[in-house]
Amino acid sequence: MTKKKVYHLKKGTKIFLFLCVLVCISSYYGYQYYQDYLYKQSYEYKLLELGYKQEQMEVLVDKLNDEQLEKILTYQYNEFIPEFVKTKYFLFKNLEGYLSQVITQDEDFFKYHGTEGYDYEHLVALVNVRATENPYEEALLVDESKGYAMLANKYYELGSDYEPEDLVDIELKYYYGDKKQIRSEVYEAFKEMWNAANEEEGIYLIVDSAYRSYEHQKKVYQFYEDSKGTKYADSIAARPGFSEHQTGLTLDIYSKECFNAKTFSKSKTYAWLVDNSYKYGFILRYPDGKKDITGYSYESWHYRYVGKELAEKVYKEGITFDEYYAFYLE
């Protein structure tokens, strides 16, 4: 019988194979350690460690950039932050303002009711347009460089010396009452809209108010203040220097069909303007149900010229000009 030959590995070979196995094992665990190290440096890990749930963490990482995430990591865990971040018109610069509108458990245990029951979209809108601040206090100057997109309201002031350089007289056929002026481009856009309304629906648009100087607005405001007090005056008229009418970009529009402020919103003219005015560069400036945003009661007759392109964008967004300005233009 022939004996089978048994091969024995040389000592050097054994050592080499042992070292190979050792290197493989070390590499595997080293790689795992390195991956673990990288994960612990990630925002995902740090946010979870801070107390955010998986879903909350994903919202923050998806919506915020690195600089913003670094800022979030300096805060203590706050369950309201992801709720605000999810909103369409969230502005990171206003985060502190948003958080001031809700109650955390640490702030008031008895009034704290979790994250339910808040209209986050509305709170974001209020803070964005500065409606949570006291109007007329620390007002900023209107940014005239924005042109037809400038914003004048209770937080942005024109001042007493502002007067457009391109004012033109409105023809008598288009207005009611005393002589009126408006900026030239606005006038051309209005006449284009007037023709369209007349041809399509037989509507005869009438301008009740157009450009108002600082002194004119002062008299308007004073009338309301003297008759019903400051609170009422502020709800229905701008203080001098803060009026859109002073920009020369605003028209109060009625029609021969209806010249009554109380019933105009139910008129055929109003329905046509709401659906079509944006095509000619105008927007309904103070919509119904938006007083807390715009600062003014509903004015179905008050139309602001912003240009055709911008008017279409505001119309399609379905928000007030104050909100649009704060999010897209400011």
Protein backbone atom coordinates (compact mmCIF):
# COMPACT_ATOMS: atom_id res chain seq x y z
CA MET A 1 0.00 0.00 0.00
CA THR A 2 1.28 3.43 -0.99
CA LYS A 3 1.38 6.07 1.73
CA LYS A 4 -0.27 9.44 1.04
CA LYS A 5 2.15 12.27 1.05
CA VAL A 6 1.29 14.93 3.67
CA TYR A 7 2.27 18.49 2.88
CA HIS A 8 3.31 20.75 5.71
CA LEU A 9 3.33 24.52 5.35
CA LYS A 10 6.59 26.13 6.02
CA LYS A 11 6.82 28.29 9.08
CA GLY A 12 7.23 31.45 7.00
CA THR A 13 4.11 30.70 5.01
CA LYS A 14 2.11 30.11 8.18
CA ILE A 15 3.19 33.44 9.54
CA PHE A 16 2.30 35.17 6.26
CA LEU A 17 -1.21 33.65 6.20
CA PHE A 18 -1.74 34.55 9.84
CA LEU A 19 -0.78 38.12 9.14
CA CYS A 20 -3.15 38.25 6.15
CA VAL A 21 -6.04 37.07 8.30
CA LEU A 22 -5.08 39.54 11.00
CA VAL A 23 -4.96 42.40 8.47
CA CYS A 24 -8.38 41.42 7.06
CA ILE A 25 -9.93 41.32 10.50
CA SER A 26 -8.30 44.61 11.48
CA SER A 27 -9.42 46.23 8.23
CA TYR A 28 -12.98 45.06 8.72
CA TYR A 29 -13.24 46.38 12.27
CA GLY A 30 -11.27 49.47 11.37
CA TYR A 31 -13.70 50.21 8.57
CA GLN A 32 -16.65 49.63 10.87
CA TYR A 33 -15.10 51.92 13.47
CA TYR A 34 -14.46 54.59 10.85
CA GLN A 35 -18.00 54.38 9.55
CA ASP A 36 -19.31 54.67 13.09
CA TYR A 37 -17.06 57.68 13.64
CA LEU A 38 -18.35 59.36 10.47
CA TYR A 39 -21.97 58.69 11.44
CA LYS A 40 -21.44 60.26 14.85
CA GLN A 41 -20.19 63.38 13.08
CA SER A 42 -23.32 63.57 10.94
CA TYR A 43 -26.27 65.88 11.55
CA GLU A 44 -28.55 62.86 11.62
CA TYR A 45 -26.77 61.41 14.65
CA LYS A 46 -26.35 64.73 16.43
CA LEU A 47 -30.01 65.65 16.02
CA LEU A 48 -31.15 62.25 17.25
CA GLU A 49 -28.82 62.56 20.22
CA LEU A 50 -30.33 65.99 20.92
CA GLY A 51 -33.74 64.33 21.25
CA TYR A 52 -35.35 64.68 17.85
CA LYS A 53 -37.31 61.71 16.57
CA GLN A 54 -36.43 60.09 13.25
CA GLU A 55 -39.20 61.88 11.35
CA GLN A 56 -38.33 65.24 12.90
CA MET A 57 -34.66 64.76 12.12
CA GLU A 58 -35.42 63.95 8.48
CA VAL A 59 -37.43 67.15 8.12
CA LEU A 60 -34.60 69.28 9.48
CA VAL A 61 -31.88 67.62 7.39
CA ASP A 62 -34.01 67.81 4.24
CA LYS A 63 -35.09 71.45 4.60
CA LEU A 64 -32.05 73.17 6.17
CA ASN A 65 -28.53 73.80 4.94
CA ASP A 66 -25.37 73.04 6.91
CA GLU A 67 -25.06 76.51 8.42
CA GLN A 68 -28.66 76.41 9.60
CA LEU A 69 -28.28 72.91 11.03
CA GLU A 70 -25.24 74.04 12.98
CA LYS A 71 -27.39 76.78 14.48
CA ILE A 72 -30.14 74.29 15.37
CA LEU A 73 -27.58 72.21 17.26
CA THR A 74 -26.92 75.17 19.54
CA TYR A 75 -30.55 75.05 20.71
CA GLN A 76 -31.97 72.62 23.19
CA TYR A 77 -34.43 70.10 21.76
CA ASN A 78 -37.59 71.94 20.67
CA GLU A 79 -40.43 69.94 19.14
CA PHE A 80 -41.85 73.07 17.52
CA ILE A 81 -38.85 73.71 15.26
CA PRO A 82 -39.63 70.90 12.75
CA GLU A 83 -43.28 72.05 12.66
CA PHE A 84 -42.24 75.52 11.53
CA VAL A 85 -39.54 74.26 9.17
CA LYS A 86 -42.17 72.20 7.30
CA THR A 87 -44.24 75.26 6.38
CA LYS A 88 -44.04 76.61 2.84
CA TYR A 89 -43.00 80.15 3.70
CA PHE A 90 -40.57 79.36 6.52
CA LEU A 91 -37.68 81.83 6.79
CA PHE A 92 -34.81 80.69 8.98
CA LYS A 93 -33.95 84.26 9.96
CA ASN A 94 -37.36 84.46 11.66
CA LEU A 95 -37.06 81.23 13.68
CA GLU A 96 -36.83 83.02 17.03
CA GLY A 97 -39.93 85.00 16.13
CA TYR A 98 -41.86 81.85 15.27
CA LEU A 99 -40.87 80.15 18.51
CA SER A 100 -42.03 83.18 20.49
CA GLN A 101 -45.59 82.44 19.30
CA VAL A 102 -45.86 79.00 20.92
CA ILE A 103 -45.64 77.69 24.48
CA THR A 104 -43.11 75.02 25.39
CA GLN A 105 -43.36 72.71 28.37
CA ASP A 106 -40.39 74.42 30.01
CA GLU A 107 -41.99 77.86 29.63
CA ASP A 108 -45.38 77.04 31.11
CA PHE A 109 -46.18 73.47 32.09
CA PHE A 110 -49.87 74.21 32.69
CA LYS A 111 -50.45 75.99 29.38
CA TYR A 112 -48.39 73.56 27.35
CA HIS A 113 -50.47 71.31 25.11
CA GLY A 114 -47.88 69.84 22.80
CA THR A 115 -47.56 70.75 19.14
CA GLU A 116 -51.24 70.27 18.32
CA GLY A 117 -53.67 73.14 17.96
CA TYR A 118 -51.39 75.67 16.27
CA ASP A 119 -51.84 77.01 12.75
CA TYR A 120 -48.16 77.07 11.84
CA GLU A 121 -48.72 78.49 8.36
CA HIS A 122 -50.57 81.44 9.86
CA LEU A 123 -47.99 82.02 12.59
CA VAL A 124 -45.22 82.01 9.99
CA ALA A 125 -47.15 84.55 7.90
CA LEU A 126 -47.70 86.85 10.88
CA VAL A 127 -44.03 86.84 11.85
CA ASN A 128 -42.78 87.19 8.28
CA VAL A 129 -44.81 90.36 7.67
CA ARG A 130 -43.89 91.72 11.14
CA ALA A 131 -47.53 91.69 12.25
CA THR A 132 -46.45 90.45 15.68
CA GLU A 133 -44.64 93.77 16.20
CA ASN A 134 -46.19 97.11 17.10
CA PRO A 135 -47.09 98.96 13.89
CA TYR A 136 -45.38 102.26 13.10
CA GLU A 137 -42.73 101.62 15.75
CA GLU A 138 -39.19 101.24 14.38
CA ALA A 139 -40.52 101.44 10.83
CA LEU A 140 -38.07 100.84 8.01
CA LEU A 141 -37.77 103.07 4.98
CA VAL A 142 -39.52 101.84 1.85
CA ASP A 143 -37.02 100.25 -0.53
CA GLU A 144 -37.56 102.41 -3.59
CA SER A 145 -35.05 100.34 -5.55
CA LYS A 146 -37.75 97.66 -5.81
CA GLY A 147 -39.62 99.91 -8.24
CA TYR A 148 -43.20 98.76 -8.81
CA ALA A 149 -42.60 96.01 -6.23
CA MET A 150 -41.92 98.44 -3.37
CA LEU A 151 -43.83 97.82 -0.15
CA ALA A 152 -45.45 100.59 1.87
CA ASN A 153 -47.44 99.59 4.93
CA LYS A 154 -47.46 100.07 8.70
CA TYR A 155 -43.87 98.83 8.94
CA TYR A 156 -42.35 100.51 5.86
CA GLU A 157 -42.42 104.28 5.62
CA LEU A 158 -42.23 106.53 2.57
CA GLY A 159 -41.75 109.74 4.50
CA SER A 160 -43.23 113.18 3.96
CA ASP A 161 -41.17 114.18 0.93
CA TYR A 162 -41.81 111.19 -1.34
CA GLU A 163 -43.56 112.02 -4.61
CA PRO A 164 -43.32 110.02 -7.87
CA GLU A 165 -41.74 111.90 -10.75
CA ASP A 166 -43.95 110.40 -13.48
CA LEU A 167 -47.44 111.38 -12.30
CA VAL A 168 -49.98 112.07 -15.06
CA ASP A 169 -53.54 113.34 -15.02
CA ILE A 170 -56.34 110.81 -15.33
CA GLU A 171 -58.88 111.64 -18.02
CA LEU A 172 -62.29 112.72 -16.77
CA LYS A 173 -64.05 109.70 -18.33
CA TYR A 174 -62.17 107.36 -15.95
CA TYR A 175 -62.70 108.99 -12.56
CA TYR A 176 -65.29 110.41 -10.20
CA GLY A 177 -64.95 113.57 -8.10
CA ASP A 178 -61.92 115.84 -7.98
CA LYS A 179 -59.02 115.73 -10.43
CA LYS A 180 -56.78 112.68 -9.99
CA GLN A 181 -53.24 111.65 -10.85
CA ILE A 182 -51.41 108.34 -11.09
CA ARG A 183 -48.04 107.15 -12.35
CA SER A 184 -47.87 106.90 -16.13
CA GLU A 185 -47.33 103.12 -16.42
CA VAL A 186 -50.15 102.45 -13.96
CA TYR A 187 -52.43 104.69 -16.01
CA GLU A 188 -51.65 102.84 -19.24
CA ALA A 189 -52.26 99.49 -17.53
CA PHE A 190 -55.55 100.75 -16.10
CA LYS A 191 -56.78 101.89 -19.51
CA GLU A 192 -55.89 98.49 -20.96
CA MET A 193 -57.87 96.83 -18.15
CA TRP A 194 -60.73 99.31 -18.60
CA ASN A 195 -61.04 98.41 -22.28
CA ALA A 196 -60.98 94.68 -21.56
CA ALA A 197 -63.66 94.93 -18.85
CA ASN A 198 -65.83 97.07 -21.09
CA GLU A 199 -65.48 94.80 -24.13
CA GLU A 200 -65.91 91.51 -22.27
CA GLU A 201 -68.63 92.38 -19.76
CA GLY A 202 -69.84 95.88 -20.61
CA ILE A 203 -68.29 97.11 -17.33
CA TYR A 204 -67.45 100.78 -16.99
CA LEU A 205 -64.67 101.10 -14.41
CA ILE A 206 -64.46 104.27 -12.33
CA VAL A 207 -61.49 105.47 -10.25
CA ASP A 208 -62.52 106.90 -6.90
CA SER A 209 -59.04 107.54 -5.50
CA ALA A 210 -55.53 107.46 -6.95
CA TYR A 211 -52.30 109.21 -5.93
CA ARG A 212 -52.46 110.99 -2.59
CA SER A 213 -49.72 113.28 -1.36
CA TYR A 214 -48.45 113.13 2.22
CA GLU A 215 -50.60 116.14 3.10
CA HIS A 216 -53.67 114.66 1.45
CA GLN A 217 -53.26 111.40 3.37
CA LYS A 218 -52.79 113.37 6.56
CA LYS A 219 -56.26 114.91 6.09
CA VAL A 220 -57.81 111.53 5.28
CA TYR A 221 -56.37 109.91 8.39
CA GLN A 222 -57.24 112.89 10.57
CA PHE A 223 -60.86 112.72 9.46
CA TYR A 224 -61.24 109.11 10.62
CA GLU A 225 -59.28 109.70 13.82
CA ASP A 226 -61.36 112.74 14.75
CA SER A 227 -64.65 110.98 14.03
CA LYS A 228 -64.05 107.52 15.54
CA GLY A 229 -60.65 107.51 17.24
CA THR A 230 -57.15 106.26 16.52
CA LYS A 231 -57.93 102.54 16.67
CA TYR A 232 -60.63 102.82 14.04
CA ALA A 233 -58.53 105.16 11.90
CA ASP A 234 -55.63 102.68 11.91
CA SER A 235 -57.93 99.86 10.79
CA ILE A 236 -59.25 101.71 7.76
CA ALA A 237 -56.59 104.24 6.71
CA ALA A 238 -52.82 104.54 6.64
CA ARG A 239 -51.06 107.18 8.64
CA PRO A 240 -49.40 109.87 6.51
CA GLY A 241 -46.12 108.63 5.09
CA PHE A 242 -47.25 105.00 5.23
CA SER A 243 -49.94 104.99 2.55
CA GLU A 244 -49.79 102.97 -0.64
CA HIS A 245 -51.65 105.77 -2.36
CA GLN A 246 -48.59 107.98 -1.88
CA THR A 247 -46.57 105.57 -4.06
CA GLY A 248 -48.75 106.48 -7.05
CA LEU A 249 -49.25 102.76 -7.66
CA THR A 250 -52.69 102.34 -6.12
CA LEU A 251 -56.23 102.87 -7.39
CA ASP A 252 -59.56 102.57 -5.61
CA ILE A 253 -61.78 101.17 -8.35
CA TYR A 254 -65.58 100.96 -8.60
CA SER A 255 -67.88 101.05 -11.62
CA LYS A 256 -70.99 102.78 -12.90
CA GLU A 257 -72.77 99.52 -12.10
CA CYS A 258 -71.83 99.74 -8.41
CA PHE A 259 -70.28 102.64 -6.53
CA ASN A 260 -71.09 101.47 -3.02
CA ALA A 261 -68.27 100.24 -0.75
CA LYS A 262 -70.65 98.03 1.25
CA THR A 263 -72.00 96.14 -1.77
CA PHE A 264 -69.15 96.33 -4.26
CA SER A 265 -67.78 92.91 -3.27
CA LYS A 266 -71.04 91.37 -4.51
CA SER A 267 -70.99 93.16 -7.86
CA LYS A 268 -70.21 91.82 -11.32
CA THR A 269 -67.37 94.33 -11.53
CA TYR A 270 -65.67 92.99 -8.44
CA ALA A 271 -65.97 89.39 -9.67
CA TRP A 272 -64.35 90.37 -12.96
CA LEU A 273 -61.53 92.30 -11.27
CA VAL A 274 -60.70 89.42 -8.93
CA ASP A 275 -60.39 87.03 -11.87
CA ASN A 276 -58.70 89.35 -14.34
CA SER A 277 -56.93 92.33 -12.76
CA TYR A 278 -53.62 90.45 -12.43
CA LYS A 279 -53.47 90.14 -16.23
CA TYR A 280 -52.96 93.91 -16.33
CA GLY A 281 -50.54 94.15 -13.42
CA PHE A 282 -52.96 94.77 -10.54
CA ILE A 283 -53.61 92.80 -7.35
CA LEU A 284 -56.36 93.03 -4.75
CA ARG A 285 -54.29 94.54 -1.96
CA TYR A 286 -56.43 93.96 1.13
CA PRO A 287 -58.36 90.67 0.72
CA ASP A 288 -61.16 89.46 2.94
CA GLY A 289 -60.09 87.71 6.14
CA LYS A 290 -56.51 89.01 6.02
CA LYS A 291 -56.68 92.02 8.33
CA ASP A 292 -54.21 90.48 10.78
CA ILE A 293 -51.72 90.13 7.91
CA THR A 294 -52.23 93.37 5.98
CA GLY A 295 -53.23 95.53 8.95
CA TYR A 296 -56.34 96.78 7.17
CA SER A 297 -59.97 95.76 6.92
CA TYR A 298 -61.18 94.14 3.71
CA GLU A 299 -61.21 96.59 0.79
CA SER A 300 -62.73 95.05 -2.31
CA TRP A 301 -62.06 98.24 -4.28
CA HIS A 302 -58.35 98.74 -3.47
CA TYR A 303 -56.02 97.58 -6.25
CA ARG A 304 -52.25 97.88 -6.31
CA TYR A 305 -50.12 97.90 -9.45
CA VAL A 306 -47.01 95.68 -9.32
CA GLY A 307 -46.53 94.87 -13.01
CA LYS A 308 -47.95 91.97 -14.99
CA GLU A 309 -45.27 89.39 -14.21
CA LEU A 310 -45.30 89.95 -10.46
CA ALA A 311 -49.09 90.29 -10.31
CA GLU A 312 -49.48 86.87 -11.90
CA LYS A 313 -47.08 85.32 -9.39
CA VAL A 314 -48.91 86.85 -6.41
CA TYR A 315 -52.26 85.77 -7.85
CA LYS A 316 -51.13 82.18 -8.37
CA GLU A 317 -49.54 81.97 -4.91
CA GLY A 318 -52.87 83.01 -3.41
CA ILE A 319 -51.28 85.09 -0.66
CA THR A 320 -51.20 88.77 0.24
CA PHE A 321 -48.57 91.06 -1.22
CA ASP A 322 -47.13 91.51 2.29
CA GLU A 323 -46.47 87.77 2.51
CA TYR A 324 -45.09 87.55 -1.01
CA TYR A 325 -42.76 90.49 -0.43
CA ALA A 326 -41.43 89.08 2.85
CA PHE A 327 -40.65 85.67 1.39
CA TYR A 328 -39.56 86.39 -2.18
CA LEU A 329 -38.51 90.04 -2.43
CA GLU A 330 -37.23 91.38 0.87
